[in-house]
Amino acid sequence: MEDYSLEPRPFYISDDNSVWLFKGSSTARNGAEIVAKRHEFLLLRDKDQFSKRLNEALNVGLAQARVDHPHSCKLLEIRLDISGAPEQYFVYHILEALKNNVWQEVEQRKKRPNPCSELEMWDFLEQTTSALSFAHDKVTDI
């Protein structure tokens, strides 16, 4: 994908193997860190099922675009990759990587002699629930 450089290996693959997450950077945004969420669609014999899954992937991206919160990834764009057509299609959600990733912060702190105070853990939890609540309010009013 021009404008983006993605790591060759995903850092997450869904249980059903249909969604992969890749770390990367944006050349159009001066090397800013991004996350690419890739939805894979193999040629399905049932065209209705293919349309349904493609529509779901696009709707998830559109819902994400409505969420603008400091503790949530901002959607930069949605891309459709048909280079493998007609056997394979991809929908990419290009997301701005969070500057303060709670998971990374917790992992780093676990290596310290005094990893996290209870107050710090409550702060992380508040950030996460704040983002989820905001997203729920924005997406459910569609």
N, C-alpha and C. Protein backbone atom coordinates (compact mmCIF):
# COMPACT_ATOMS: atom_id res chain seq x y z
N MET A 1 0.85 -1.18 0.00
CA MET A 1 0.00 0.00 0.00
C MET A 1 0.89 1.23 0.00
N GLU A 2 0.79 2.00 -1.07
CA GLU A 2 1.55 3.25 -1.08
C GLU A 2 1.04 4.14 0.05
N ASP A 3 1.85 5.04 0.48
CA ASP A 3 1.60 5.93 1.62
C ASP A 3 1.79 5.26 2.97
N TYR A 4 1.89 3.93 3.01
CA TYR A 4 2.04 3.22 4.28
C TYR A 4 3.10 2.14 4.18
N SER A 5 3.82 1.97 5.26
CA SER A 5 4.78 0.89 5.38
C SER A 5 4.32 0.02 6.54
N LEU A 6 3.99 -1.24 6.25
CA LEU A 6 3.48 -2.14 7.29
C LEU A 6 4.52 -3.19 7.63
N GLU A 7 4.57 -3.57 8.91
CA GLU A 7 5.43 -4.67 9.30
C GLU A 7 4.92 -5.94 8.62
N PRO A 8 5.82 -6.85 8.26
CA PRO A 8 5.39 -8.03 7.52
C PRO A 8 4.52 -9.00 8.33
N ARG A 9 4.71 -9.01 9.63
CA ARG A 9 3.95 -9.95 10.47
C ARG A 9 2.92 -9.19 11.31
N PRO A 10 1.72 -9.73 11.39
CA PRO A 10 0.69 -9.09 12.23
C PRO A 10 1.02 -9.27 13.71
N PHE A 11 0.55 -8.35 14.54
CA PHE A 11 0.70 -8.52 15.98
C PHE A 11 -0.56 -9.11 16.60
N TYR A 12 -1.61 -9.27 15.78
CA TYR A 12 -2.85 -9.89 16.25
C TYR A 12 -3.56 -10.52 15.06
N ILE A 13 -4.10 -11.72 15.29
CA ILE A 13 -4.95 -12.39 14.30
C ILE A 13 -6.18 -12.89 15.04
N SER A 14 -7.37 -12.59 14.50
CA SER A 14 -8.61 -13.01 15.14
C SER A 14 -8.72 -14.54 15.13
N ASP A 15 -9.56 -15.06 16.02
CA ASP A 15 -9.75 -16.51 16.13
C ASP A 15 -10.17 -17.15 14.81
N ASP A 16 -11.01 -16.45 14.05
CA ASP A 16 -11.48 -17.01 12.77
C ASP A 16 -10.57 -16.65 11.60
N ASN A 17 -9.43 -15.99 11.89
CA ASN A 17 -8.42 -15.66 10.88
C ASN A 17 -8.88 -14.62 9.86
N SER A 18 -9.97 -13.91 10.13
CA SER A 18 -10.49 -12.96 9.15
C SER A 18 -10.02 -11.52 9.38
N VAL A 19 -9.50 -11.22 10.58
CA VAL A 19 -9.02 -9.87 10.89
C VAL A 19 -7.59 -9.96 11.41
N TRP A 20 -6.71 -9.19 10.78
CA TRP A 20 -5.31 -9.14 11.17
C TRP A 20 -4.95 -7.69 11.47
N LEU A 21 -4.13 -7.47 12.52
CA LEU A 21 -3.66 -6.13 12.86
C LEU A 21 -2.15 -6.04 12.62
N PHE A 22 -1.76 -4.98 11.92
CA PHE A 22 -0.35 -4.74 11.61
C PHE A 22 0.07 -3.38 12.14
N LYS A 23 1.29 -3.29 12.66
CA LYS A 23 1.88 -1.99 12.99
C LYS A 23 2.52 -1.44 11.73
N GLY A 24 2.61 -0.13 11.65
CA GLY A 24 3.24 0.47 10.49
C GLY A 24 3.46 1.95 10.67
N SER A 25 3.79 2.59 9.56
CA SER A 25 3.99 4.04 9.57
C SER A 25 3.43 4.63 8.29
N SER A 26 3.13 5.91 8.35
CA SER A 26 2.55 6.63 7.23
C SER A 26 3.59 7.56 6.62
N THR A 27 3.92 7.32 5.36
CA THR A 27 4.86 8.22 4.69
C THR A 27 4.21 9.57 4.41
N ALA A 28 2.89 9.58 4.23
CA ALA A 28 2.17 10.83 3.97
C ALA A 28 2.08 11.69 5.23
N ARG A 29 2.28 11.08 6.40
CA ARG A 29 2.18 11.80 7.68
C ARG A 29 3.52 11.83 8.40
N ASN A 30 4.59 11.98 7.63
CA ASN A 30 5.95 12.10 8.18
C ASN A 30 6.34 10.94 9.10
N GLY A 31 5.99 9.73 8.72
CA GLY A 31 6.38 8.56 9.48
C GLY A 31 5.57 8.29 10.72
N ALA A 32 4.43 8.96 10.87
CA ALA A 32 3.59 8.74 12.05
C ALA A 32 3.20 7.28 12.16
N GLU A 33 3.18 6.77 13.40
CA GLU A 33 2.81 5.37 13.63
C GLU A 33 1.33 5.15 13.34
N ILE A 34 1.05 4.03 12.70
CA ILE A 34 -0.33 3.66 12.40
C ILE A 34 -0.55 2.19 12.75
N VAL A 35 -1.81 1.81 12.79
CA VAL A 35 -2.20 0.41 12.89
C VAL A 35 -3.12 0.15 11.72
N ALA A 36 -2.85 -0.93 10.99
CA ALA A 36 -3.71 -1.31 9.87
C ALA A 36 -4.50 -2.55 10.28
N LYS A 37 -5.80 -2.42 10.25
CA LYS A 37 -6.71 -3.52 10.56
C LYS A 37 -7.18 -4.08 9.23
N ARG A 38 -6.80 -5.32 8.93
CA ARG A 38 -7.11 -5.91 7.63
C ARG A 38 -8.19 -6.97 7.77
N HIS A 39 -9.28 -6.76 7.04
CA HIS A 39 -10.36 -7.74 6.94
C HIS A 39 -10.15 -8.50 5.64
N GLU A 40 -10.11 -9.81 5.72
CA GLU A 40 -9.87 -10.62 4.53
C GLU A 40 -11.16 -11.30 4.09
N PHE A 41 -11.38 -11.28 2.77
CA PHE A 41 -12.54 -11.92 2.19
C PHE A 41 -12.08 -12.83 1.07
N LEU A 42 -12.26 -14.11 1.25
CA LEU A 42 -12.00 -15.04 0.17
C LEU A 42 -13.24 -15.09 -0.69
N LEU A 43 -13.04 -15.46 -1.94
CA LEU A 43 -14.18 -15.56 -2.83
C LEU A 43 -15.17 -16.55 -2.22
N LEU A 44 -16.32 -16.07 -1.92
CA LEU A 44 -17.36 -16.91 -1.33
C LEU A 44 -18.36 -17.31 -2.41
N ARG A 45 -18.73 -18.55 -2.39
CA ARG A 45 -19.71 -19.01 -3.38
C ARG A 45 -21.05 -18.31 -3.19
N ASP A 46 -21.38 -18.03 -1.95
CA ASP A 46 -22.64 -17.37 -1.64
C ASP A 46 -22.42 -15.86 -1.71
N LYS A 47 -22.87 -15.24 -2.78
CA LYS A 47 -22.65 -13.80 -2.98
C LYS A 47 -23.33 -12.96 -1.90
N ASP A 48 -24.45 -13.45 -1.36
CA ASP A 48 -25.10 -12.71 -0.28
C ASP A 48 -24.22 -12.69 0.96
N GLN A 49 -23.58 -13.82 1.27
CA GLN A 49 -22.68 -13.88 2.42
C GLN A 49 -21.48 -12.96 2.22
N PHE A 50 -20.94 -12.95 1.01
CA PHE A 50 -19.81 -12.06 0.69
C PHE A 50 -20.23 -10.60 0.88
N SER A 51 -21.38 -10.23 0.34
CA SER A 51 -21.87 -8.85 0.48
C SER A 51 -22.11 -8.49 1.93
N LYS A 52 -22.64 -9.43 2.70
CA LYS A 52 -22.92 -9.18 4.11
C LYS A 52 -21.62 -8.92 4.88
N ARG A 53 -20.61 -9.75 4.66
CA ARG A 53 -19.34 -9.59 5.38
C ARG A 53 -18.61 -8.32 4.95
N LEU A 54 -18.66 -8.00 3.67
CA LEU A 54 -18.04 -6.77 3.19
C LEU A 54 -18.74 -5.55 3.79
N ASN A 55 -20.04 -5.58 3.82
CA ASN A 55 -20.84 -4.49 4.40
C ASN A 55 -20.52 -4.33 5.89
N GLU A 56 -20.37 -5.44 6.61
CA GLU A 56 -20.03 -5.38 8.03
C GLU A 56 -18.67 -4.70 8.25
N ALA A 57 -17.69 -5.07 7.42
CA ALA A 57 -16.35 -4.48 7.56
C ALA A 57 -16.39 -2.97 7.30
N LEU A 58 -17.14 -2.56 6.30
CA LEU A 58 -17.26 -1.14 6.00
C LEU A 58 -18.01 -0.40 7.11
N ASN A 59 -19.06 -1.01 7.64
CA ASN A 59 -19.83 -0.38 8.72
C ASN A 59 -19.01 -0.23 10.00
N VAL A 60 -18.15 -1.22 10.29
CA VAL A 60 -17.28 -1.11 11.46
C VAL A 60 -16.35 0.09 11.29
N GLY A 61 -15.81 0.26 10.09
CA GLY A 61 -14.94 1.40 9.82
C GLY A 61 -15.68 2.72 9.95
N LEU A 62 -16.89 2.78 9.42
CA LEU A 62 -17.68 4.01 9.51
C LEU A 62 -18.04 4.33 10.96
N ALA A 63 -18.32 3.29 11.75
CA ALA A 63 -18.61 3.50 13.17
C ALA A 63 -17.36 4.04 13.88
N GLN A 64 -16.20 3.46 13.56
CA GLN A 64 -14.95 3.92 14.17
C GLN A 64 -14.68 5.38 13.82
N ALA A 65 -15.05 5.78 12.62
CA ALA A 65 -14.82 7.16 12.20
C ALA A 65 -15.60 8.16 13.05
N ARG A 66 -16.69 7.71 13.65
CA ARG A 66 -17.50 8.60 14.49
C ARG A 66 -16.91 8.82 15.87
N VAL A 67 -15.94 8.00 16.24
CA VAL A 67 -15.37 8.05 17.58
C VAL A 67 -14.11 8.92 17.56
N ASP A 68 -14.18 10.07 18.20
CA ASP A 68 -13.04 10.97 18.31
C ASP A 68 -12.81 11.22 19.80
N HIS A 69 -11.93 10.41 20.39
CA HIS A 69 -11.70 10.43 21.83
C HIS A 69 -10.20 10.27 22.07
N PRO A 70 -9.63 10.96 23.06
CA PRO A 70 -8.18 10.89 23.27
C PRO A 70 -7.65 9.49 23.60
N HIS A 71 -8.49 8.58 24.06
CA HIS A 71 -8.04 7.23 24.42
C HIS A 71 -8.57 6.18 23.45
N SER A 72 -8.83 6.59 22.23
CA SER A 72 -9.30 5.67 21.20
C SER A 72 -8.56 5.98 19.90
N CYS A 73 -8.32 4.95 19.10
CA CYS A 73 -7.62 5.14 17.82
C CYS A 73 -8.52 5.90 16.84
N LYS A 74 -7.95 6.89 16.18
CA LYS A 74 -8.69 7.67 15.19
C LYS A 74 -8.57 6.98 13.83
N LEU A 75 -9.70 6.81 13.15
CA LEU A 75 -9.69 6.23 11.82
C LEU A 75 -9.19 7.28 10.83
N LEU A 76 -8.15 6.94 10.07
CA LEU A 76 -7.60 7.85 9.07
C LEU A 76 -8.24 7.62 7.71
N GLU A 77 -8.43 6.35 7.36
CA GLU A 77 -9.09 6.04 6.09
C GLU A 77 -9.46 4.56 6.03
N ILE A 78 -10.31 4.26 5.05
CA ILE A 78 -10.70 2.89 4.74
C ILE A 78 -10.24 2.63 3.31
N ARG A 79 -9.58 1.50 3.10
CA ARG A 79 -9.11 1.15 1.76
C ARG A 79 -9.63 -0.23 1.37
N LEU A 80 -9.97 -0.36 0.11
CA LEU A 80 -10.36 -1.65 -0.46
C LEU A 80 -9.23 -2.10 -1.37
N ASP A 81 -8.70 -3.29 -1.12
CA ASP A 81 -7.62 -3.85 -1.93
C ASP A 81 -8.18 -5.00 -2.75
N ILE A 82 -8.23 -4.80 -4.05
CA ILE A 82 -8.76 -5.84 -4.95
C ILE A 82 -7.64 -6.45 -5.79
N SER A 83 -6.39 -6.27 -5.35
CA SER A 83 -5.26 -6.78 -6.14
C SER A 83 -5.26 -8.30 -6.26
N GLY A 84 -5.90 -9.00 -5.33
CA GLY A 84 -5.98 -10.46 -5.38
C GLY A 84 -7.26 -10.98 -5.98
N ALA A 85 -8.07 -10.07 -6.55
CA ALA A 85 -9.38 -10.45 -7.11
C ALA A 85 -9.17 -11.41 -8.28
N PRO A 86 -10.09 -12.29 -8.51
CA PRO A 86 -11.39 -12.45 -7.85
C PRO A 86 -11.36 -13.41 -6.67
N GLU A 87 -10.18 -13.96 -6.32
CA GLU A 87 -10.14 -14.94 -5.23
C GLU A 87 -10.10 -14.31 -3.84
N GLN A 88 -9.52 -13.13 -3.74
CA GLN A 88 -9.28 -12.57 -2.43
C GLN A 88 -9.43 -11.04 -2.46
N TYR A 89 -10.06 -10.51 -1.43
CA TYR A 89 -10.26 -9.07 -1.27
C TYR A 89 -9.89 -8.70 0.16
N PHE A 90 -9.40 -7.48 0.34
CA PHE A 90 -9.10 -6.98 1.68
C PHE A 90 -9.74 -5.60 1.86
N VAL A 91 -10.23 -5.37 3.07
CA VAL A 91 -10.64 -4.03 3.49
C VAL A 91 -9.68 -3.65 4.61
N TYR A 92 -9.02 -2.52 4.46
CA TYR A 92 -8.10 -2.01 5.47
C TYR A 92 -8.72 -0.82 6.18
N HIS A 93 -8.66 -0.84 7.50
CA HIS A 93 -8.96 0.34 8.31
C HIS A 93 -7.60 0.85 8.77
N ILE A 94 -7.25 2.04 8.34
CA ILE A 94 -5.97 2.63 8.73
C ILE A 94 -6.25 3.53 9.93
N LEU A 95 -5.64 3.19 11.06
CA LEU A 95 -5.88 3.88 12.32
C LEU A 95 -4.61 4.56 12.82
N GLU A 96 -4.80 5.71 13.39
CA GLU A 96 -3.69 6.41 14.05
C GLU A 96 -3.34 5.63 15.31
N ALA A 97 -2.07 5.31 15.51
CA ALA A 97 -1.66 4.59 16.71
C ALA A 97 -1.76 5.53 17.92
N LEU A 98 -2.19 4.98 19.03
CA LEU A 98 -2.27 5.77 20.25
C LEU A 98 -0.87 6.09 20.75
N LYS A 99 -0.69 7.30 21.22
CA LYS A 99 0.60 7.71 21.78
C LYS A 99 0.82 7.03 23.14
N ASN A 100 -0.21 6.97 23.94
CA ASN A 100 -0.14 6.36 25.27
C ASN A 100 -0.96 5.07 25.27
N ASN A 101 -0.33 3.99 24.90
CA ASN A 101 -0.99 2.70 24.84
C ASN A 101 -1.00 2.09 26.24
N VAL A 102 -2.16 1.88 26.80
CA VAL A 102 -2.30 1.37 28.17
C VAL A 102 -1.64 0.00 28.30
N TRP A 103 -1.86 -0.88 27.32
CA TRP A 103 -1.29 -2.22 27.39
C TRP A 103 0.25 -2.14 27.44
N GLN A 104 0.86 -1.34 26.58
CA GLN A 104 2.31 -1.21 26.58
C GLN A 104 2.81 -0.63 27.91
N GLU A 105 2.09 0.34 28.40
CA GLU A 105 2.48 0.96 29.67
C GLU A 105 2.45 -0.06 30.81
N VAL A 106 1.41 -0.86 30.87
CA VAL A 106 1.30 -1.88 31.92
C VAL A 106 2.43 -2.90 31.77
N GLU A 107 2.71 -3.34 30.53
CA GLU A 107 3.79 -4.31 30.30
C GLU A 107 5.15 -3.75 30.74
N GLN A 108 5.41 -2.48 30.43
CA GLN A 108 6.68 -1.86 30.83
C GLN A 108 6.78 -1.76 32.35
N ARG A 109 5.68 -1.41 32.97
CA ARG A 109 5.69 -1.23 34.43
C ARG A 109 5.83 -2.55 35.17
N LYS A 110 5.38 -3.65 34.55
CA LYS A 110 5.52 -4.96 35.20
C LYS A 110 6.99 -5.33 35.39
N LYS A 111 7.88 -4.74 34.60
CA LYS A 111 9.31 -5.04 34.68
C LYS A 111 10.00 -4.24 35.78
N ARG A 112 9.33 -3.26 36.32
CA ARG A 112 9.91 -2.42 37.37
C ARG A 112 9.74 -3.08 38.74
N PRO A 113 10.56 -2.65 39.72
CA PRO A 113 10.41 -3.19 41.09
C PRO A 113 9.02 -2.90 41.67
N ASN A 114 8.50 -1.69 41.42
CA ASN A 114 7.16 -1.32 41.87
C ASN A 114 6.33 -1.00 40.64
N PRO A 115 5.71 -2.02 40.04
CA PRO A 115 5.07 -1.85 38.73
C PRO A 115 4.01 -0.74 38.66
N CYS A 116 2.96 -0.85 39.41
CA CYS A 116 1.86 0.12 39.36
C CYS A 116 1.19 0.20 40.71
N SER A 117 0.85 1.40 41.05
CA SER A 117 0.07 1.56 42.27
C SER A 117 -1.40 1.27 41.94
N GLU A 118 -2.17 1.04 42.94
CA GLU A 118 -3.60 0.80 42.72
C GLU A 118 -4.24 2.03 42.07
N LEU A 119 -3.82 3.21 42.48
CA LEU A 119 -4.35 4.44 41.90
C LEU A 119 -4.04 4.54 40.41
N GLU A 120 -2.82 4.16 40.00
CA GLU A 120 -2.47 4.17 38.59
C GLU A 120 -3.30 3.16 37.79
N MET A 121 -3.53 2.01 38.37
CA MET A 121 -4.36 1.00 37.68
C MET A 121 -5.79 1.51 37.52
N TRP A 122 -6.32 2.19 38.52
CA TRP A 122 -7.66 2.76 38.41
C TRP A 122 -7.69 3.83 37.32
N ASP A 123 -6.60 4.61 37.19
CA ASP A 123 -6.51 5.62 36.15
C ASP A 123 -6.55 4.97 34.76
N PHE A 124 -5.80 3.87 34.58
CA PHE A 124 -5.82 3.15 33.30
C PHE A 124 -7.23 2.64 33.01
N LEU A 125 -7.87 2.10 34.02
CA LEU A 125 -9.22 1.58 33.85
C LEU A 125 -10.19 2.70 33.48
N GLU A 126 -10.02 3.86 34.11
CA GLU A 126 -10.89 5.01 33.80
C GLU A 126 -10.71 5.45 32.35
N GLN A 127 -9.47 5.48 31.87
CA GLN A 127 -9.22 5.87 30.49
C GLN A 127 -9.92 4.92 29.51
N THR A 128 -9.80 3.64 29.80
CA THR A 128 -10.40 2.62 28.93
C THR A 128 -11.91 2.71 28.94
N THR A 129 -12.51 2.79 30.12
CA THR A 129 -13.97 2.85 30.20
C THR A 129 -14.51 4.15 29.63
N SER A 130 -13.76 5.23 29.79
CA SER A 130 -14.18 6.50 29.20
C SER A 130 -14.25 6.39 27.68
N ALA A 131 -13.24 5.79 27.07
CA ALA A 131 -13.23 5.62 25.61
C ALA A 131 -14.36 4.69 25.16
N LEU A 132 -14.58 3.60 25.89
CA LEU A 132 -15.65 2.67 25.52
C LEU A 132 -17.03 3.31 25.65
N SER A 133 -17.23 4.05 26.72
CA SER A 133 -18.51 4.72 26.91
C SER A 133 -18.77 5.76 25.82
N PHE A 134 -17.75 6.53 25.49
CA PHE A 134 -17.87 7.54 24.43
C PHE A 134 -18.20 6.86 23.10
N ALA A 135 -17.46 5.79 22.80
CA ALA A 135 -17.69 5.06 21.54
C ALA A 135 -19.11 4.49 21.50
N HIS A 136 -19.56 3.93 22.60
CA HIS A 136 -20.91 3.36 22.65
C HIS A 136 -21.96 4.43 22.38
N ASP A 137 -21.80 5.59 23.00
CA ASP A 137 -22.75 6.69 22.79
C ASP A 137 -22.77 7.16 21.33
N LYS A 138 -21.60 7.24 20.72
CA LYS A 138 -21.51 7.72 19.34
C LYS A 138 -22.05 6.70 18.33
N VAL A 139 -21.76 5.44 18.56
CA VAL A 139 -22.10 4.41 17.57
C VAL A 139 -23.54 3.96 17.69
N THR A 140 -24.10 3.93 18.90
CA THR A 140 -25.45 3.44 19.05
C THR A 140 -26.50 4.44 18.59
N ASP A 141 -26.12 5.69 18.35
CA ASP A 141 -27.12 6.66 17.89
C ASP A 141 -27.14 6.79 16.37
N ILE A 142 -26.53 5.83 15.68
CA ILE A 142 -26.53 5.85 14.19
C ILE A 142 -27.92 5.54 13.68
